[in-house]
Protein backbone atom coordinates (compact mmCIF):
# COMPACT_ATOMS: atom_id res chain seq x y z
CA UNK A 1 25.75 1.66 2.67
CA UNK A 2 25.58 1.06 -1.08
CA UNK A 3 22.86 2.92 -2.84
CA UNK A 4 22.14 -0.16 -5.14
CA UNK A 5 21.89 -2.39 -1.98
CA UNK A 6 19.57 0.17 -0.24
CA UNK A 7 17.17 0.31 -3.41
CA UNK A 8 16.72 -3.41 -3.62
CA UNK A 9 15.90 -3.47 0.34
CA UNK A 10 13.32 -0.84 -0.26
CA UNK A 11 11.89 -2.53 -3.22
CA UNK A 12 11.75 -5.68 -1.06
CA UNK A 13 10.05 -3.76 1.82
CA UNK A 14 7.54 -2.41 -0.47
CA UNK A 15 6.72 -5.93 -2.10
CA UNK A 16 6.44 -7.29 1.48
CA UNK A 17 4.06 -4.69 2.39
CA UNK A 18 5.14 -4.86 6.08
CA UNK A 19 7.53 -3.13 8.28
CA UNK A 20 11.06 -4.87 8.35
CA UNK A 21 13.23 -4.27 11.04
CA UNK A 22 16.94 -4.01 10.41
CA UNK A 23 18.91 -5.17 13.10
CA UNK A 24 22.40 -5.04 11.64
CA UNK A 25 23.64 -3.03 8.61
CA UNK A 26 27.05 -1.79 7.86
CA UNK A 27 29.69 -2.99 10.25
CA UNK A 28 33.23 -1.57 10.44
CA UNK A 29 36.02 -3.88 9.51
CA UNK A 30 37.24 -3.65 13.21
CA UNK A 31 33.59 -4.89 14.42
CA UNK A 32 34.18 -8.04 16.44
CA UNK A 33 32.14 -10.16 13.93
CA UNK A 34 33.85 -8.79 11.08
CA UNK A 35 37.44 -8.81 12.63
CA UNK A 36 36.94 -12.51 13.48
CA UNK A 37 36.75 -13.21 9.82
CA UNK A 38 39.83 -13.89 7.38
CA UNK A 39 38.61 -10.88 5.41
CA UNK A 40 35.70 -8.64 6.12
CA UNK A 41 32.35 -9.67 4.84
CA UNK A 42 29.44 -8.15 3.00
CA UNK A 43 28.20 -5.90 6.00
CA UNK A 44 31.52 -4.32 5.94
CA UNK A 45 31.14 -3.42 2.31
CA UNK A 46 27.76 -1.96 3.00
CA UNK A 47 25.91 -4.39 0.91
CA UNK A 48 24.12 -6.59 3.58
CA UNK A 49 21.65 -6.43 6.34
CA UNK A 50 20.15 -8.55 8.83
CA UNK A 51 16.30 -8.44 9.32
CA UNK A 52 14.48 -9.69 12.42
CA UNK A 53 11.53 -11.93 11.44
CA UNK A 54 8.43 -11.20 13.68
CA UNK A 55 6.15 -13.39 15.38
CA UNK A 56 3.45 -14.39 12.82
CA UNK A 57 5.82 -13.58 10.04
CA UNK A 58 6.48 -16.21 7.48
CA UNK A 59 10.50 -16.39 6.88
CA UNK A 60 10.01 -18.22 3.66
CA UNK A 61 7.65 -15.41 2.24
CA UNK A 62 10.63 -13.09 2.80
CA UNK A 63 13.21 -15.50 1.47
CA UNK A 64 11.16 -15.94 -1.94
CA UNK A 65 10.80 -12.10 -2.28
CA UNK A 66 14.22 -11.45 -1.59
CA UNK A 67 15.15 -13.95 -4.26
CA UNK A 68 12.93 -12.24 -6.87
CA UNK A 69 14.39 -8.98 -5.87
CA UNK A 70 17.89 -9.81 -6.74
CA UNK A 71 19.48 -10.60 -3.64
CA UNK A 72 22.27 -13.21 -3.99
CA UNK A 73 23.19 -13.92 -0.51
CA UNK A 74 20.16 -15.09 1.86
CA UNK A 75 21.02 -16.68 5.21
CA UNK A 76 18.21 -17.86 7.59
CA UNK A 77 18.66 -18.34 11.27
CA UNK A 78 17.60 -21.58 12.66
CA UNK A 79 17.65 -20.93 16.57
CA UNK A 80 14.97 -22.72 18.26
CA UNK A 81 13.36 -20.25 20.77
CA UNK A 82 15.14 -17.29 19.78
CA UNK A 83 14.29 -14.53 17.54
CA UNK A 84 14.57 -15.43 13.85
CA UNK A 85 16.56 -13.19 11.48
CA UNK A 86 17.26 -13.20 7.58
CA UNK A 87 20.69 -12.05 6.47
CA UNK A 88 20.43 -10.23 2.84
CA UNK A 89 23.11 -9.27 0.59
CA UNK A 90 23.96 -8.67 -2.88
CA UNK A 91 27.52 -10.02 -2.94
CA UNK A 92 29.13 -11.76 -5.89
CA UNK A 93 28.50 -15.33 -4.30
CA UNK A 94 24.89 -16.72 -5.06
CA UNK A 95 23.80 -18.83 -1.89
CA UNK A 96 21.25 -19.66 0.41
CA UNK A 97 22.09 -21.06 3.69
CA UNK A 98 20.81 -21.71 7.48
CA UNK A 99 22.77 -20.53 10.51
């Protein structure tokens, strides 16, 4: 994992003041999710992680804190009835999206 990314993630954790469960960090380029892409993504570069949003946690609190801590890629899972996740990265493209 990229040290700059880990510093940002730790800063976010401290600002949030609650534990944050990382469900996916680095993925090797041959990992099925990366291999299915035209080119490996930010997880394969060590500059991304997916965070589980637990019951009672406000996903938007985390999103706004992440924006203020310099994360450039923020994806919010929108799957009804399933655990929610937030993708965070520091890639070159600034974007916020739902998936």
